[in-house]
Amino acid sequence: MFDHISLGITNLEKSIVFYDAALKSLGINRIFASPDAGIVGYSGLGGVW
């Protein structure tokens, strides 16, 4: 079981598009994004940040 996973990326906007689509199929939706801080949060199935 994983409690927290952090992934390094080079393009936040492209990553948001990818993860929005990939996680939506699992019932997980984006609830927060702060591109200036490089943070995106998702909720569903226990929550993903």
Protein backbone atom coordinates (compact mmCIF):
# COMPACT_ATOMS: atom_id res chain seq x y z
CA MET A 1 0.00 0.00 0.00
CA PHE A 2 1.25 3.47 -0.87
CA ASP A 3 0.42 6.45 1.29
CA HIS A 4 2.06 9.13 -0.84
CA ILE A 5 3.65 9.18 -4.28
CA SER A 6 5.44 12.15 -5.79
CA LEU A 7 6.30 12.16 -9.49
CA GLY A 8 8.82 14.51 -11.07
CA ILE A 9 7.70 16.02 -14.39
CA THR A 10 9.01 18.53 -16.92
CA ASN A 11 5.73 19.94 -18.25
CA LEU A 12 2.94 20.49 -15.73
CA GLU A 13 0.27 21.43 -18.28
CA LYS A 14 0.80 18.26 -20.33
CA SER A 15 0.87 16.19 -17.16
CA ILE A 16 -2.43 17.66 -15.97
CA VAL A 17 -4.08 16.74 -19.28
CA PHE A 18 -2.67 13.20 -19.09
CA TYR A 19 -3.55 12.55 -15.43
CA ASP A 20 -7.01 14.14 -15.73
CA ALA A 21 -7.85 11.61 -18.47
CA ALA A 22 -6.10 8.63 -16.88
CA LEU A 23 -7.53 9.12 -13.39
CA LYS A 24 -11.03 10.05 -14.58
CA SER A 25 -11.46 6.49 -15.87
CA LEU A 26 -10.85 5.35 -12.27
CA GLY A 27 -13.40 7.78 -10.83
CA ILE A 28 -10.78 10.26 -9.61
CA ASN A 29 -11.24 13.95 -10.48
CA ARG A 30 -8.97 16.99 -10.18
CA ILE A 31 -10.09 19.28 -7.36
CA PHE A 32 -7.10 21.61 -7.06
CA ALA A 33 -4.36 23.00 -9.27
CA SER A 34 -1.72 25.61 -8.53
CA PRO A 35 0.60 25.73 -11.55
CA ASP A 36 2.75 28.44 -9.93
CA ALA A 37 3.45 26.11 -7.00
CA GLY A 38 3.56 22.98 -9.19
CA ILE A 39 0.80 21.29 -7.19
CA VAL A 40 -2.22 19.37 -8.43
CA GLY A 41 -4.76 17.57 -6.23
CA TYR A 42 -7.22 14.82 -7.07
CA SER A 43 -10.09 13.35 -5.10
CA GLY A 44 -11.86 10.01 -5.28
CA LEU A 45 -11.12 6.54 -3.96
CA GLY A 46 -9.62 8.03 -0.81
CA GLY A 47 -8.07 11.11 -2.45
CA VAL A 48 -4.92 11.72 -4.40
CA TRP A 49 -2.70 14.83 -4.10
